[in-house]
Amino acid sequence: METQLIPDLLSRVISWQEEESFLESYTYDLPSYFGKIGRHNREDWEAMDTIIEDARELNSLILDYAADLQQAAFIKESLGRRMSQGIYSFRSMYGAGLQSLKDLLDIFIREDNRLYALWQTDRTFMYPDTGQWIDTAILRLSNWLKSADKLKDWYQWLVVSRRMDELNVGFFASAYFQKPLETGELMDVFRKSYRKACIRYIFNKNPQLELFN
């Protein structure tokens, strides 16, 4: 054996001994945590490891969902009471409902992604980071649904405004968008905006005019 391997081997032996000592201190407690798979000398370590990893993931999901630690503790306590009779009893009582919820969630995520692609938006816009995010999303979707008949006009407006940007008169479209005007006022507003733009251009080219009143 190469001498450089000895420190690593000794470290692994020490770690194994420490883990064995830790497990021995809880040998007779394992059945209370893991049931029959934790019985002494008949432990199913792979199954217990899976349970621990699943519990960690579940705890992480609860913390992400809950508004605070107190609510998270309440959720875990409530879930623990419902699972106290064992996983099989829990599945028989709530399995169908949870599966339906999962199916609905899959549909929701799929339709959500379609909506993002269609409207060129994202989750941060649809679901603001507030306690009333569901109400906000429902209100926003309801407004869109009520305005569905105006989609053609909105599309035509986007075409026109983009063309105006290309012609370097996008400022006119922006002014109209921020404060809708009567059609008869459009030319007056355009002339005024155009003249202001000309004045700004001339002043930028001739700094000495800054003192002109």
C-alpha atoms as a PDB file:
ATOM      1  CA  MET A   1       0.000   0.000   0.000  1.00  0.00           C
ATOM      2  CA  GLU A   2       1.333   3.422  -0.918  1.00  0.00           C
ATOM      3  CA  THR A   3       2.051   5.520   2.167  1.00  0.00           C
ATOM      4  CA  GLN A   4       0.241   8.574   0.750  1.00  0.00           C
ATOM      5  CA  LEU A   5      -3.038   6.623   0.891  1.00  0.00           C
ATOM      6  CA  ILE A   6      -2.795   5.995   4.629  1.00  0.00           C
ATOM      7  CA  PRO A   7      -4.114   9.428   5.842  1.00  0.00           C
ATOM      8  CA  ASP A   8      -7.148   9.188   3.585  1.00  0.00           C
ATOM      9  CA  LEU A   9      -7.864   5.610   4.664  1.00  0.00           C
ATOM     10  CA  LEU A  10      -7.537   6.485   8.356  1.00  0.00           C
ATOM     11  CA  SER A  11      -9.872   9.453   7.884  1.00  0.00           C
ATOM     12  CA  ARG A  12     -12.487   7.208   6.282  1.00  0.00           C
ATOM     13  CA  VAL A  13     -12.177   4.642   9.080  1.00  0.00           C
ATOM     14  CA  ILE A  14     -12.647   7.360  11.706  1.00  0.00           C
ATOM     15  CA  SER A  15     -15.713   8.713   9.863  1.00  0.00           C
ATOM     16  CA  TRP A  16     -17.174   5.203   9.656  1.00  0.00           C
ATOM     17  CA  GLN A  17     -16.642   4.660  13.385  1.00  0.00           C
ATOM     18  CA  GLU A  18     -18.265   7.992  14.231  1.00  0.00           C
ATOM     19  CA  GLU A  19     -21.290   7.201  12.058  1.00  0.00           C
ATOM     20  CA  GLU A  20     -21.566   3.712  13.549  1.00  0.00           C
ATOM     21  CA  SER A  21     -21.461   5.158  17.067  1.00  0.00           C
ATOM     22  CA  PHE A  22     -24.135   7.703  16.174  1.00  0.00           C
ATOM     23  CA  LEU A  23     -26.416   5.031  14.695  1.00  0.00           C
ATOM     24  CA  GLU A  24     -25.959   2.732  17.676  1.00  0.00           C
ATOM     25  CA  SER A  25     -27.162   5.494  19.991  1.00  0.00           C
ATOM     26  CA  TYR A  26     -30.434   5.570  18.040  1.00  0.00           C
ATOM     27  CA  THR A  27     -30.737   1.849  17.262  1.00  0.00           C
ATOM     28  CA  TYR A  28     -33.870   1.334  19.323  1.00  0.00           C
ATOM     29  CA  ASP A  29     -35.425   4.633  18.244  1.00  0.00           C
ATOM     30  CA  LEU A  30     -35.403   3.858  14.524  1.00  0.00           C
ATOM     31  CA  PRO A  31     -38.646   1.814  14.554  1.00  0.00           C
ATOM     32  CA  SER A  32     -40.516   4.772  16.044  1.00  0.00           C
ATOM     33  CA  TYR A  33     -39.315   6.928  13.152  1.00  0.00           C
ATOM     34  CA  PHE A  34     -39.342   4.454  10.271  1.00  0.00           C
ATOM     35  CA  GLY A  35     -41.625   1.609  11.363  1.00  0.00           C
ATOM     36  CA  LYS A  36     -40.765  -1.912  10.314  1.00  0.00           C
ATOM     37  CA  ILE A  37     -37.943  -0.856   7.996  1.00  0.00           C
ATOM     38  CA  GLY A  38     -36.093   0.467  11.057  1.00  0.00           C
ATOM     39  CA  ARG A  39     -36.218  -2.728  13.151  1.00  0.00           C
ATOM     40  CA  HIS A  40     -32.944  -3.668  14.830  1.00  0.00           C
ATOM     41  CA  ASN A  41     -30.673  -5.835  12.670  1.00  0.00           C
ATOM     42  CA  ARG A  42     -33.276  -5.734   9.899  1.00  0.00           C
ATOM     43  CA  GLU A  43     -32.864  -2.127   8.881  1.00  0.00           C
ATOM     44  CA  ASP A  44     -33.555  -1.133   5.285  1.00  0.00           C
ATOM     45  CA  TRP A  45     -30.978   1.642   5.021  1.00  0.00           C
ATOM     46  CA  GLU A  46     -31.736   2.470   1.400  1.00  0.00           C
ATOM     47  CA  ALA A  47     -35.442   2.960   2.141  1.00  0.00           C
ATOM     48  CA  MET A  48     -34.680   5.096   5.194  1.00  0.00           C
ATOM     49  CA  ASP A  49     -32.270   7.214   3.186  1.00  0.00           C
ATOM     50  CA  THR A  50     -35.000   7.778   0.583  1.00  0.00           C
ATOM     51  CA  ILE A  51     -37.457   8.810   3.313  1.00  0.00           C
ATOM     52  CA  ILE A  52     -34.958  11.287   4.766  1.00  0.00           C
ATOM     53  CA  GLU A  53     -34.286  12.852   1.351  1.00  0.00           C
ATOM     54  CA  ASP A  54     -38.017  13.056   0.619  1.00  0.00           C
ATOM     55  CA  ALA A  55     -38.597  14.674   4.024  1.00  0.00           C
ATOM     56  CA  ARG A  56     -35.921  17.271   3.281  1.00  0.00           C
ATOM     57  CA  GLU A  57     -37.493  18.081  -0.064  1.00  0.00           C
ATOM     58  CA  LEU A  58     -40.963  18.278   1.491  1.00  0.00           C
ATOM     59  CA  ASN A  59     -39.665  20.593   4.217  1.00  0.00           C
ATOM     60  CA  SER A  60     -38.063  22.815   1.580  1.00  0.00           C
ATOM     61  CA  LEU A  61     -41.310  22.984  -0.415  1.00  0.00           C
ATOM     62  CA  ILE A  62     -43.303  23.869   2.700  1.00  0.00           C
ATOM     63  CA  LEU A  63     -40.864  26.657   3.590  1.00  0.00           C
ATOM     64  CA  ASP A  64     -41.100  28.019   0.036  1.00  0.00           C
ATOM     65  CA  TYR A  65     -44.890  27.960   0.173  1.00  0.00           C
ATOM     66  CA  ALA A  66     -45.426  29.283   3.713  1.00  0.00           C
ATOM     67  CA  ALA A  67     -45.418  32.984   4.440  1.00  0.00           C
ATOM     68  CA  ASP A  68     -43.401  32.527   7.651  1.00  0.00           C
ATOM     69  CA  LEU A  69     -41.921  29.894   9.976  1.00  0.00           C
ATOM     70  CA  GLN A  70     -45.038  29.779  12.147  1.00  0.00           C
ATOM     71  CA  GLN A  71     -47.227  28.907   9.180  1.00  0.00           C
ATOM     72  CA  ALA A  72     -44.667  26.331   8.027  1.00  0.00           C
ATOM     73  CA  ALA A  73     -44.745  24.707  11.480  1.00  0.00           C
ATOM     74  CA  PHE A  74     -48.560  24.600  11.370  1.00  0.00           C
ATOM     75  CA  ILE A  75     -48.519  22.930   7.931  1.00  0.00           C
ATOM     76  CA  LYS A  76     -45.995  20.309   9.051  1.00  0.00           C
ATOM     77  CA  GLU A  77     -47.932  19.594  12.251  1.00  0.00           C
ATOM     78  CA  SER A  78     -51.190  19.224  10.324  1.00  0.00           C
ATOM     79  CA  LEU A  79     -49.544  16.977   7.738  1.00  0.00           C
ATOM     80  CA  GLY A  80     -47.953  14.892  10.506  1.00  0.00           C
ATOM     81  CA  ARG A  81     -51.332  14.285  12.175  1.00  0.00           C
ATOM     82  CA  ARG A  82     -52.828  13.099   8.904  1.00  0.00           C
ATOM     83  CA  MET A  83     -49.910  10.740   8.291  1.00  0.00           C
ATOM     84  CA  SER A  84     -49.769   9.406  11.851  1.00  0.00           C
ATOM     85  CA  GLN A  85     -51.667   6.245  10.869  1.00  0.00           C
ATOM     86  CA  GLY A  86     -49.091   5.392   8.228  1.00  0.00           C
ATOM     87  CA  ILE A  87     -48.419   6.213   4.606  1.00  0.00           C
ATOM     88  CA  TYR A  88     -50.836   3.590   3.278  1.00  0.00           C
ATOM     89  CA  SER A  89     -53.753   4.985   5.290  1.00  0.00           C
ATOM     90  CA  PHE A  90     -52.764   8.469   4.161  1.00  0.00           C
ATOM     91  CA  ARG A  91     -52.739   7.376   0.523  1.00  0.00           C
ATOM     92  CA  SER A  92     -56.139   5.698   0.791  1.00  0.00           C
ATOM     93  CA  MET A  93     -57.654   8.847   2.314  1.00  0.00           C
ATOM     94  CA  TYR A  94     -55.961  11.582   0.314  1.00  0.00           C
ATOM     95  CA  GLY A  95     -54.258   9.866  -2.624  1.00  0.00           C
ATOM     96  CA  ALA A  96     -57.036  10.476  -5.152  1.00  0.00           C
ATOM     97  CA  GLY A  97     -57.381  14.123  -4.170  1.00  0.00           C
ATOM     98  CA  LEU A  98     -53.628  14.731  -4.299  1.00  0.00           C
ATOM     99  CA  GLN A  99     -53.384  13.052  -7.697  1.00  0.00           C
ATOM    100  CA  SER A 100     -56.199  15.255  -9.009  1.00  0.00           C
ATOM    101  CA  LEU A 101     -54.409  18.286  -7.620  1.00  0.00           C
ATOM    102  CA  LYS A 102     -51.177  17.211  -9.316  1.00  0.00           C
ATOM    103  CA  ASP A 103     -52.985  16.731 -12.632  1.00  0.00           C
ATOM    104  CA  LEU A 104     -54.525  20.186 -12.342  1.00  0.00           C
ATOM    105  CA  LEU A 105     -51.132  21.664 -11.481  1.00  0.00           C
ATOM    106  CA  ASP A 106     -49.599  20.067 -14.590  1.00  0.00           C
ATOM    107  CA  ILE A 107     -52.375  21.579 -16.722  1.00  0.00           C
ATOM    108  CA  PHE A 108     -51.928  24.943 -15.004  1.00  0.00           C
ATOM    109  CA  ILE A 109     -48.171  24.987 -15.666  1.00  0.00           C
ATOM    110  CA  ARG A 110     -48.663  23.988 -19.305  1.00  0.00           C
ATOM    111  CA  GLU A 111     -51.297  26.677 -19.927  1.00  0.00           C
ATOM    112  CA  ASP A 112     -49.219  29.199 -17.991  1.00  0.00           C
ATOM    113  CA  ASN A 113     -46.259  28.601 -20.305  1.00  0.00           C
ATOM    114  CA  ARG A 114     -48.500  28.955 -23.346  1.00  0.00           C
ATOM    115  CA  LEU A 115     -49.743  32.267 -21.988  1.00  0.00           C
ATOM    116  CA  TYR A 116     -46.188  33.527 -21.421  1.00  0.00           C
ATOM    117  CA  ALA A 117     -45.240  32.616 -24.982  1.00  0.00           C
ATOM    118  CA  LEU A 118     -48.381  34.201 -26.453  1.00  0.00           C
ATOM    119  CA  TRP A 119     -48.207  37.472 -24.524  1.00  0.00           C
ATOM    120  CA  GLN A 120     -44.414  37.683 -24.411  1.00  0.00           C
ATOM    121  CA  THR A 121     -44.493  38.074 -20.629  1.00  0.00           C
ATOM    122  CA  ASP A 122     -43.202  36.103 -17.651  1.00  0.00           C
ATOM    123  CA  ARG A 123     -44.111  34.927 -14.152  1.00  0.00           C
ATOM    124  CA  THR A 124     -42.896  38.096 -12.430  1.00  0.00           C
ATOM    125  CA  PHE A 125     -45.449  40.128 -14.400  1.00  0.00           C
ATOM    126  CA  MET A 126     -48.319  37.688 -13.997  1.00  0.00           C
ATOM    127  CA  TYR A 127     -47.741  36.871 -10.338  1.00  0.00           C
ATOM    128  CA  PRO A 128     -46.294  39.818  -8.405  1.00  0.00           C
ATOM    129  CA  ASP A 129     -44.493  39.015  -5.180  1.00  0.00           C
ATOM    130  CA  THR A 130     -47.310  40.042  -2.838  1.00  0.00           C
ATOM    131  CA  GLY A 131     -49.683  38.296  -0.482  1.00  0.00           C
ATOM    132  CA  GLN A 132     -52.548  38.924  -2.937  1.00  0.00           C
ATOM    133  CA  TRP A 133     -50.797  37.495  -5.999  1.00  0.00           C
ATOM    134  CA  ILE A 134     -53.692  35.169  -6.888  1.00  0.00           C
ATOM    135  CA  ASP A 135     -56.237  38.010  -6.804  1.00  0.00           C
ATOM    136  CA  THR A 136     -53.900  40.190  -8.871  1.00  0.00           C
ATOM    137  CA  ALA A 137     -53.446  37.464 -11.483  1.00  0.00           C
ATOM    138  CA  ILE A 138     -57.195  36.764 -11.687  1.00  0.00           C
ATOM    139  CA  LEU A 139     -57.957  40.468 -12.092  1.00  0.00           C
ATOM    140  CA  ARG A 140     -55.339  40.844 -14.809  1.00  0.00           C
ATOM    141  CA  LEU A 141     -56.569  37.793 -16.709  1.00  0.00           C
ATOM    142  CA  SER A 142     -60.184  38.930 -16.370  1.00  0.00           C
ATOM    143  CA  ASN A 143     -59.328  42.324 -17.839  1.00  0.00           C
ATOM    144  CA  TRP A 144     -57.556  40.661 -20.745  1.00  0.00           C
ATOM    145  CA  LEU A 145     -60.527  38.395 -21.335  1.00  0.00           C
ATOM    146  CA  LYS A 146     -62.977  41.313 -21.329  1.00  0.00           C
ATOM    147  CA  SER A 147     -60.763  43.184 -23.789  1.00  0.00           C
ATOM    148  CA  ALA A 148     -60.254  40.262 -26.183  1.00  0.00           C
ATOM    149  CA  ASP A 149     -62.386  41.996 -28.841  1.00  0.00           C
ATOM    150  CA  LYS A 150     -59.883  44.865 -28.881  1.00  0.00           C
ATOM    151  CA  LEU A 151     -56.916  42.678 -29.796  1.00  0.00           C
ATOM    152  CA  LYS A 152     -57.126  43.636 -33.474  1.00  0.00           C
ATOM    153  CA  ASP A 153     -56.997  47.353 -32.632  1.00  0.00           C
ATOM    154  CA  TRP A 154     -54.102  46.739 -30.223  1.00  0.00           C
ATOM    155  CA  TYR A 155     -52.159  44.857 -32.870  1.00  0.00           C
ATOM    156  CA  GLN A 156     -52.706  47.627 -35.405  1.00  0.00           C
ATOM    157  CA  TRP A 157     -51.532  50.164 -32.828  1.00  0.00           C
ATOM    158  CA  LEU A 158     -48.330  48.176 -32.244  1.00  0.00           C
ATOM    159  CA  VAL A 159     -47.655  48.044 -35.993  1.00  0.00           C
ATOM    160  CA  VAL A 160     -48.132  51.802 -36.327  1.00  0.00           C
ATOM    161  CA  SER A 161     -46.101  52.700 -33.229  1.00  0.00           C
ATOM    162  CA  ARG A 162     -43.195  50.478 -34.299  1.00  0.00           C
ATOM    163  CA  ARG A 163     -43.236  52.082 -37.732  1.00  0.00           C
ATOM    164  CA  MET A 164     -43.141  55.511 -36.085  1.00  0.00           C
ATOM    165  CA  ASP A 165     -40.115  54.412 -34.054  1.00  0.00           C
ATOM    166  CA  GLU A 166     -38.400  53.426 -37.295  1.00  0.00           C
ATOM    167  CA  LEU A 167     -39.129  56.936 -38.638  1.00  0.00           C
ATOM    168  CA  ASN A 168     -37.727  58.514 -35.449  1.00  0.00           C
ATOM    169  CA  VAL A 169     -41.092  59.999 -34.452  1.00  0.00           C
ATOM    170  CA  GLY A 170     -41.812  57.471 -31.722  1.00  0.00           C
ATOM    171  CA  PHE A 171     -42.176  60.336 -29.234  1.00  0.00           C
ATOM    172  CA  PHE A 172     -45.516  61.145 -30.833  1.00  0.00           C
ATOM    173  CA  ALA A 173     -46.794  57.604 -30.330  1.00  0.00           C
ATOM    174  CA  SER A 174     -45.582  57.621 -26.716  1.00  0.00           C
ATOM    175  CA  ALA A 175     -47.413  60.882 -25.993  1.00  0.00           C
ATOM    176  CA  TYR A 176     -50.615  59.532 -27.507  1.00  0.00           C
ATOM    177  CA  PHE A 177     -50.316  56.244 -25.592  1.00  0.00           C
ATOM    178  CA  GLN A 178     -49.845  57.994 -22.250  1.00  0.00           C
ATOM    179  CA  LYS A 179     -52.769  60.373 -22.796  1.00  0.00           C
ATOM    180  CA  PRO A 180     -55.244  59.360 -25.534  1.00  0.00           C
ATOM    181  CA  LEU A 181     -56.348  62.343 -27.596  1.00  0.00           C
ATOM    182  CA  GLU A 182     -59.231  63.157 -29.856  1.00  0.00           C
ATOM    183  CA  THR A 183     -58.460  62.480 -33.504  1.00  0.00           C
ATOM    184  CA  GLY A 184     -58.880  66.151 -34.368  1.00  0.00           C
ATOM    185  CA  GLU A 185     -56.124  67.079 -31.909  1.00  0.00           C
ATOM    186  CA  LEU A 186     -53.527  64.685 -33.280  1.00  0.00           C
ATOM    187  CA  MET A 187     -52.026  66.986 -35.907  1.00  0.00           C
ATOM    188  CA  ASP A 188     -51.779  69.902 -33.464  1.00  0.00           C
ATOM    189  CA  VAL A 189     -49.978  67.706 -30.955  1.00  0.00           C
ATOM    190  CA  PHE A 190     -47.694  66.338 -33.658  1.00  0.00           C
ATOM    191  CA  ARG A 191     -46.730  69.815 -34.885  1.00  0.00           C
ATOM    192  CA  LYS A 192     -46.062  70.983 -31.333  1.00  0.00           C
ATOM    193  CA  SER A 193     -43.967  67.911 -30.525  1.00  0.00           C
ATOM    194  CA  TYR A 194     -42.090  68.184 -33.811  1.00  0.00           C
ATOM    195  CA  ARG A 195     -41.233  71.841 -33.215  1.00  0.00           C
ATOM    196  CA  LYS A 196     -40.041  71.072 -29.675  1.00  0.00           C
ATOM    197  CA  ALA A 197     -37.831  68.309 -31.062  1.00  0.00           C
ATOM    198  CA  CYS A 198     -36.392  70.744 -33.630  1.00  0.00           C
ATOM    199  CA  ILE A 199     -35.684  73.322 -30.925  1.00  0.00           C
ATOM    200  CA  ARG A 200     -33.921  70.724 -28.743  1.00  0.00           C
ATOM    201  CA  TYR A 201     -31.842  69.623 -31.719  1.00  0.00           C
ATOM    202  CA  ILE A 202     -30.796  73.205 -32.559  1.00  0.00           C
ATOM    203  CA  PHE A 203     -29.939  73.987 -28.930  1.00  0.00           C
ATOM    204  CA  ASN A 204     -27.854  70.796 -28.666  1.00  0.00           C
ATOM    205  CA  LYS A 205     -25.926  71.789 -31.783  1.00  0.00           C
ATOM    206  CA  ASN A 206     -25.481  75.376 -30.569  1.00  0.00           C
ATOM    207  CA  PRO A 207     -24.759  75.432 -26.794  1.00  0.00           C
ATOM    208  CA  GLN A 208     -24.465  79.239 -26.865  1.00  0.00           C
ATOM    209  CA  LEU A 209     -28.220  79.419 -27.377  1.00  0.00           C
ATOM    210  CA  GLU A 210     -28.800  78.029 -23.875  1.00  0.00           C
ATOM    211  CA  LEU A 211     -28.777  81.621 -22.588  1.00  0.00           C
ATOM    212  CA  PHE A 212     -31.393  82.678 -25.121  1.00  0.00           C
ATOM    213  CA  ASN A 213     -34.807  83.543 -23.663  1.00  0.00           C
END
